[in-house]
Amino acid sequence: MLDRSKVKLGIAPIAWTNDDLPELGRENTFEQCISEMALAGFTGSEVGNKYPKDPKVLKSYLDLRGVRICNAWFSTLFTSEPEEVTINNFIEHRDFLHALGAKMIGCSEQGNSIQGTDKSVFHDKPIYTEEEWMKVTTGMNKLAKLAAEKGMKLSYHHHMGTGIQTPEEVDKFMEMTNDDVYLLFDSGHLAYSELCAQASYDVLQKHIKRVAHVHLKDIRMDIVKKVRDNKLSFLEGVKMGAFTIPGDGAIDFKPIFKILEDNNYEGWMVVEAEQDPAVANPFEYAVKARAYIKENTGL
């Protein structure tokens, strides 16, 4: 069983209100979101688009519910903008999270990402040139040092529709970055990329010593295959229900929990399952996810 003194459980607000598709969950309020997170039994949250921007105001809402911020997405633009643009934006983002007591900053290179476009997520994904690989990895090394100045860690979020999507691309990224650049392991994105759960197990096992944050995300394989076969976009897949909570899709999470346990993982595990909340009630699914995790980890 995972050590409850070392592993904390969070859930992402993207199940209630979607940052990439604001029409999904437009009716759900920020207070409803964090109240239902707490009611479902989660103590951590990432930051959503409806969250107050003032850290003192946000913290007061969260403290009332026993919830804390554990991470927040940050888009790097090393492949499309001068390096200093990302660095300046990162410092502002870092200081916001630090004021909230967060220890993690999850980054993803979005300079030439297609995840927010109508392009085929499988067929049109960017392939980095060697120059782009150098820009991204050199940049991440610099951001990791800036994070460390505040006692924080940087973790890289491999993601569908980006230049770091496949297991091979994750491997190359890890080889080209320093040890203080960590991996944000996302079970769903790896299984989605390779159309098999084994890809997520293999990457986690290989890079577990540098995994500092975990996204528990499941996939509906039949929908992922439709996305691939019909050359659909990432966002079309989200609307169709490609993602779901742990225990509701194609991934058996027991091997993932076993790898984390065997390697004494310490950090957050965050349920992240973006779906249309009008179809998949976020509170209902949060309760199901929490029960599944308890049953399989003891947490």
Protein backbone atom coordinates (compact mmCIF):
# COMPACT_ATOMS: atom_id res chain seq x y z
CA MET A 1 0.00 0.00 0.00
CA LEU A 2 1.12 3.56 -0.65
CA ASP A 3 2.29 5.56 2.35
CA ARG A 4 -0.44 8.02 3.33
CA SER A 5 2.15 10.20 5.09
CA LYS A 6 3.99 10.68 1.77
CA VAL A 7 1.29 10.52 -0.92
CA LYS A 8 -1.51 13.08 -1.12
CA LEU A 9 -4.60 12.99 -3.33
CA GLY A 10 -5.85 15.84 -5.48
CA ILE A 11 -8.24 16.33 -8.35
CA ALA A 12 -8.13 18.78 -11.24
CA PRO A 13 -10.91 21.34 -11.82
CA ILE A 14 -10.93 20.50 -15.53
CA ALA A 15 -13.72 17.98 -14.87
CA TRP A 16 -15.95 20.87 -13.75
CA THR A 17 -14.82 23.65 -16.10
CA ASN A 18 -12.56 23.05 -19.09
CA ASP A 19 -9.79 25.58 -19.73
CA ASP A 20 -9.37 24.60 -23.40
CA LEU A 21 -13.10 24.35 -24.08
CA PRO A 22 -14.78 27.01 -21.90
CA GLU A 23 -18.22 25.97 -23.12
CA LEU A 24 -17.78 22.71 -21.22
CA GLY A 25 -18.87 23.44 -17.66
CA ARG A 26 -19.65 27.10 -18.19
CA GLU A 27 -22.54 26.64 -15.76
CA ASN A 28 -20.36 25.32 -12.92
CA THR A 29 -19.04 27.83 -10.41
CA PHE A 30 -15.63 27.93 -8.76
CA GLU A 31 -17.16 27.45 -5.30
CA GLN A 32 -19.20 24.46 -6.45
CA CYS A 33 -16.05 22.94 -7.91
CA ILE A 34 -13.86 23.15 -4.82
CA SER A 35 -16.73 22.26 -2.47
CA GLU A 36 -17.42 19.07 -4.40
CA MET A 37 -13.71 18.24 -4.50
CA ALA A 38 -13.62 18.38 -0.71
CA LEU A 39 -16.89 16.51 -0.31
CA ALA A 40 -15.57 13.71 -2.52
CA GLY A 41 -12.56 13.34 -0.22
CA PHE A 42 -9.73 15.14 -2.04
CA THR A 43 -7.36 17.53 -0.28
CA GLY A 44 -5.56 18.98 -3.29
CA SER A 45 -6.43 20.89 -6.43
CA GLU A 46 -4.69 22.31 -9.45
CA VAL A 47 -5.69 25.78 -10.69
CA GLY A 48 -8.59 26.34 -13.08
CA ASN A 49 -9.66 29.31 -15.17
CA LYS A 50 -12.39 30.35 -12.71
CA TYR A 51 -10.11 30.41 -9.68
CA PRO A 52 -9.44 33.84 -8.11
CA LYS A 53 -6.16 35.34 -9.31
CA ASP A 54 -5.31 36.87 -5.93
CA PRO A 55 -3.53 34.14 -3.91
CA LYS A 56 -4.84 35.46 -0.58
CA VAL A 57 -8.44 35.37 -1.80
CA LEU A 58 -8.02 31.94 -3.37
CA LYS A 59 -6.35 30.52 -0.28
CA SER A 60 -9.17 31.73 1.97
CA TYR A 61 -11.74 29.83 -0.13
CA LEU A 62 -9.59 26.70 -0.15
CA ASP A 63 -8.73 26.77 3.55
CA LEU A 64 -12.43 26.71 4.44
CA ARG A 65 -12.73 23.40 2.63
CA GLY A 66 -9.44 21.80 3.66
CA VAL A 67 -8.09 21.94 0.10
CA ARG A 68 -4.70 23.22 -1.04
CA ILE A 69 -3.14 24.00 -4.40
CA CYS A 70 -0.59 21.36 -5.38
CA ASN A 71 0.34 22.45 -8.91
CA ALA A 72 -0.75 24.60 -11.84
CA TRP A 73 -0.17 24.22 -15.56
CA PHE A 74 2.38 26.53 -17.15
CA SER A 75 2.78 26.89 -20.93
CA THR A 76 6.36 27.39 -22.08
CA LEU A 77 6.96 28.99 -25.49
CA PHE A 78 10.57 28.15 -26.17
CA THR A 79 9.89 27.04 -29.76
CA SER A 80 7.95 30.15 -30.76
CA GLU A 81 9.10 33.12 -28.65
CA PRO A 82 12.39 34.53 -27.33
CA GLU A 83 13.51 32.65 -24.24
CA GLU A 84 13.07 35.67 -21.97
CA VAL A 85 9.30 35.73 -22.66
CA THR A 86 8.87 32.31 -21.06
CA ILE A 87 11.30 33.09 -18.26
CA ASN A 88 9.50 36.30 -17.28
CA ASN A 89 6.09 34.61 -17.42
CA PHE A 90 7.43 31.68 -15.41
CA ILE A 91 8.72 33.87 -12.58
CA GLU A 92 5.29 35.49 -12.22
CA HIS A 93 3.59 32.09 -12.25
CA ARG A 94 6.12 30.65 -9.78
CA ASP A 95 5.59 33.48 -7.33
CA PHE A 96 1.80 33.07 -7.52
CA LEU A 97 2.07 29.36 -6.70
CA HIS A 98 4.65 29.97 -4.00
CA ALA A 99 2.27 32.38 -2.28
CA LEU A 100 -0.27 29.54 -2.19
CA GLY A 101 2.21 27.12 -0.65
CA ALA A 102 2.51 24.90 -3.73
CA LYS A 103 5.75 23.00 -4.25
CA MET A 104 5.28 21.94 -7.88
CA ILE A 105 5.11 23.72 -11.24
CA GLY A 106 3.93 21.57 -14.14
CA CYS A 107 5.21 22.79 -17.51
CA SER A 108 4.40 21.86 -21.09
CA GLU A 109 5.95 23.27 -24.27
CA GLN A 110 3.15 24.95 -26.20
CA GLY A 111 5.09 27.02 -28.72
CA ASN A 112 4.10 24.75 -31.59
CA SER A 113 1.54 22.52 -29.91
CA ILE A 114 -1.58 21.52 -31.88
CA GLN A 115 -3.63 20.40 -28.86
CA GLY A 116 -5.86 23.47 -29.07
CA THR A 117 -6.29 23.39 -32.85
CA ASP A 118 -8.48 21.41 -35.25
CA LYS A 119 -5.48 19.44 -36.58
CA SER A 120 -5.27 15.65 -36.27
CA VAL A 121 -3.67 14.93 -32.91
CA PHE A 122 -2.04 11.76 -34.26
CA HIS A 123 -1.13 12.76 -37.80
CA ASP A 124 -0.17 16.43 -37.43
CA LYS A 125 1.70 16.49 -34.13
CA PRO A 126 4.92 18.54 -34.17
CA ILE A 127 8.23 16.76 -34.54
CA TYR A 128 11.05 18.77 -33.01
CA THR A 129 14.16 19.64 -34.96
CA GLU A 130 17.42 19.28 -33.06
CA GLU A 131 17.44 23.05 -32.62
CA GLU A 132 13.98 22.91 -31.05
CA TRP A 133 15.04 20.08 -28.75
CA MET A 134 17.92 22.25 -27.55
CA LYS A 135 15.68 25.26 -27.01
CA VAL A 136 13.14 23.28 -24.99
CA THR A 137 15.57 21.31 -22.85
CA THR A 138 17.98 24.18 -22.22
CA GLY A 139 15.03 26.35 -21.30
CA MET A 140 13.63 23.77 -18.89
CA ASN A 141 17.00 23.47 -17.16
CA LYS A 142 16.91 27.22 -16.55
CA LEU A 143 13.32 27.14 -15.27
CA ALA A 144 14.17 24.32 -12.85
CA LYS A 145 16.82 26.53 -11.26
CA LEU A 146 14.32 29.38 -10.94
CA ALA A 147 11.85 27.01 -9.28
CA ALA A 148 14.54 25.82 -6.85
CA GLU A 149 15.11 29.42 -5.73
CA LYS A 150 11.72 29.19 -4.01
CA GLY A 151 12.15 25.62 -2.80
CA MET A 152 9.92 24.34 -5.61
CA LYS A 153 10.26 21.72 -8.34
CA LEU A 154 9.59 21.87 -12.07
CA SER A 155 7.94 18.82 -13.63
CA TYR A 156 7.45 18.36 -17.36
CA HIS A 157 3.99 17.32 -18.60
CA HIS A 158 4.27 15.17 -21.73
CA HIS A 159 1.06 15.79 -23.69
CA MET A 160 -0.85 14.72 -26.77
CA GLY A 161 -0.44 17.15 -29.65
CA THR A 162 3.02 18.32 -28.60
CA GLY A 163 6.60 17.50 -29.52
CA ILE A 164 7.00 15.45 -26.34
CA GLN A 165 4.17 12.95 -26.59
CA THR A 166 5.54 9.45 -27.25
CA PRO A 167 7.62 7.28 -24.91
CA GLU A 168 10.65 7.82 -27.16
CA GLU A 169 10.21 11.58 -26.97
CA VAL A 170 9.87 11.42 -23.18
CA ASP A 171 13.09 9.39 -23.06
CA LYS A 172 14.96 11.95 -25.16
CA PHE A 173 13.67 14.83 -23.05
CA MET A 174 14.81 13.14 -19.85
CA GLU A 175 18.23 12.40 -21.34
CA MET A 176 18.71 16.02 -22.44
CA THR A 177 17.65 17.68 -19.19
CA ASN A 178 19.32 17.90 -15.79
CA ASP A 179 18.25 15.79 -12.83
CA ASP A 180 16.45 18.76 -11.28
CA VAL A 181 13.97 18.72 -14.17
CA TYR A 182 11.33 16.21 -13.11
CA LEU A 183 8.63 14.33 -14.98
CA LEU A 184 4.93 14.91 -14.53
CA PHE A 185 3.75 11.39 -15.31
CA ASP A 186 0.34 11.25 -16.96
CA SER A 187 -1.01 7.72 -17.40
CA GLY A 188 -3.72 8.71 -19.86
CA HIS A 189 -1.60 10.66 -22.32
CA LEU A 190 0.91 7.83 -22.71
CA ALA A 191 -1.78 5.17 -23.20
CA TYR A 192 -3.53 7.52 -25.66
CA SER A 193 -0.32 8.11 -27.63
CA GLU A 194 0.48 4.42 -28.07
CA LEU A 195 -3.07 2.99 -27.88
CA CYS A 196 -2.02 0.69 -25.05
CA ALA A 197 -1.76 0.89 -21.28
CA GLN A 198 1.63 -0.82 -21.30
CA ALA A 199 3.25 2.38 -22.57
CA SER A 200 2.33 4.15 -19.35
CA TYR A 201 3.71 1.34 -17.19
CA ASP A 202 6.99 1.25 -19.13
CA VAL A 203 7.62 5.00 -18.96
CA LEU A 204 6.79 5.15 -15.26
CA GLN A 205 9.10 2.25 -14.45
CA LYS A 206 11.93 3.71 -16.52
CA HIS A 207 11.77 7.24 -15.12
CA ILE A 208 10.28 6.68 -11.66
CA LYS A 209 13.30 8.20 -9.88
CA ARG A 210 12.55 11.55 -11.55
CA VAL A 211 8.75 11.43 -11.32
CA ALA A 212 7.64 14.22 -9.00
CA HIS A 213 3.94 14.57 -9.83
CA VAL A 214 1.34 12.09 -11.08
CA HIS A 215 -1.83 12.56 -13.11
CA LEU A 216 -4.23 9.65 -12.81
CA LYS A 217 -6.10 9.71 -16.10
CA ASP A 218 -7.86 6.85 -17.87
CA ILE A 219 -8.88 6.54 -21.52
CA ARG A 220 -11.75 5.01 -23.43
CA MET A 221 -9.84 3.06 -26.05
CA ASP A 222 -12.68 2.81 -28.57
CA ILE A 223 -12.95 6.60 -28.69
CA VAL A 224 -9.17 7.07 -28.93
CA LYS A 225 -9.12 4.71 -31.91
CA LYS A 226 -11.89 6.75 -33.56
CA VAL A 227 -9.81 9.89 -33.03
CA ARG A 228 -6.85 8.23 -34.71
CA ASP A 229 -8.74 6.54 -37.56
CA ASN A 230 -10.79 9.62 -38.41
CA LYS A 231 -7.87 12.04 -38.01
CA LEU A 232 -9.66 14.05 -35.34
CA SER A 233 -8.24 16.76 -33.11
CA PHE A 234 -7.35 16.47 -29.45
CA LEU A 235 -10.30 18.66 -28.42
CA GLU A 236 -12.72 16.65 -30.54
CA GLY A 237 -11.55 13.60 -28.63
CA VAL A 238 -12.16 15.35 -25.30
CA LYS A 239 -15.73 16.23 -26.31
CA MET A 240 -16.34 12.64 -27.43
CA GLY A 241 -15.21 11.32 -24.03
CA ALA A 242 -11.72 9.98 -24.78
CA PHE A 243 -10.70 10.58 -21.14
CA THR A 244 -12.24 9.36 -17.93
CA ILE A 245 -11.41 8.69 -14.28
CA PRO A 246 -9.19 5.84 -13.06
CA GLY A 247 -11.06 2.56 -13.09
CA ASP A 248 -13.54 3.60 -15.75
CA GLY A 249 -11.48 2.98 -18.89
CA ALA A 250 -8.84 0.81 -20.53
CA ILE A 251 -6.00 1.22 -18.01
CA ASP A 252 -5.46 -1.15 -15.10
CA PHE A 253 -3.98 1.17 -12.46
CA LYS A 254 -2.76 -1.59 -10.15
CA PRO A 255 0.65 -1.82 -11.90
CA ILE A 256 0.99 1.97 -11.67
CA PHE A 257 0.24 2.00 -7.96
CA LYS A 258 2.67 -0.93 -7.47
CA ILE A 259 5.55 0.90 -9.21
CA LEU A 260 4.89 4.01 -7.12
CA GLU A 261 4.75 1.93 -3.93
CA ASP A 262 7.88 -0.09 -4.70
CA ASN A 263 9.85 3.10 -5.29
CA ASN A 264 8.54 4.96 -2.22
CA TYR A 265 6.93 7.69 -4.30
CA GLU A 266 6.38 10.90 -2.40
CA GLY A 267 4.14 13.63 -3.78
CA TRP A 268 0.70 14.20 -5.20
CA MET A 269 -1.48 11.91 -7.24
CA VAL A 270 -4.06 14.01 -9.04
CA VAL A 271 -7.16 12.70 -10.78
CA GLU A 272 -7.42 14.54 -14.09
CA ALA A 273 -10.24 13.48 -16.39
CA GLU A 274 -11.57 16.14 -18.70
CA GLN A 275 -15.03 15.23 -19.96
CA ASP A 276 -18.20 17.12 -20.75
CA PRO A 277 -19.64 17.71 -17.26
CA ALA A 278 -23.14 17.77 -18.74
CA VAL A 279 -22.58 14.13 -19.69
CA ALA A 280 -20.26 12.97 -16.91
CA ASN A 281 -21.33 14.65 -13.66
CA PRO A 282 -18.03 15.81 -12.12
CA PHE A 283 -19.04 15.22 -8.49
CA GLU A 284 -20.34 11.74 -9.23
CA TYR A 285 -17.16 10.84 -11.08
CA ALA A 286 -14.98 12.37 -8.36
CA VAL A 287 -16.68 10.14 -5.77
CA LYS A 288 -16.15 7.08 -7.98
CA ALA A 289 -12.49 7.95 -8.53
CA ARG A 290 -11.90 8.44 -4.81
CA ALA A 291 -13.48 5.07 -4.02
CA TYR A 292 -11.38 3.33 -6.69
CA ILE A 293 -8.15 4.83 -5.34
CA LYS A 294 -9.00 3.86 -1.76
CA GLU A 295 -9.85 0.32 -2.79
CA ASN A 296 -6.58 -0.13 -4.69
CA THR A 297 -4.10 1.84 -2.57
CA GLY A 298 -5.56 2.12 0.92
CA LEU A 299 -5.25 5.89 0.76
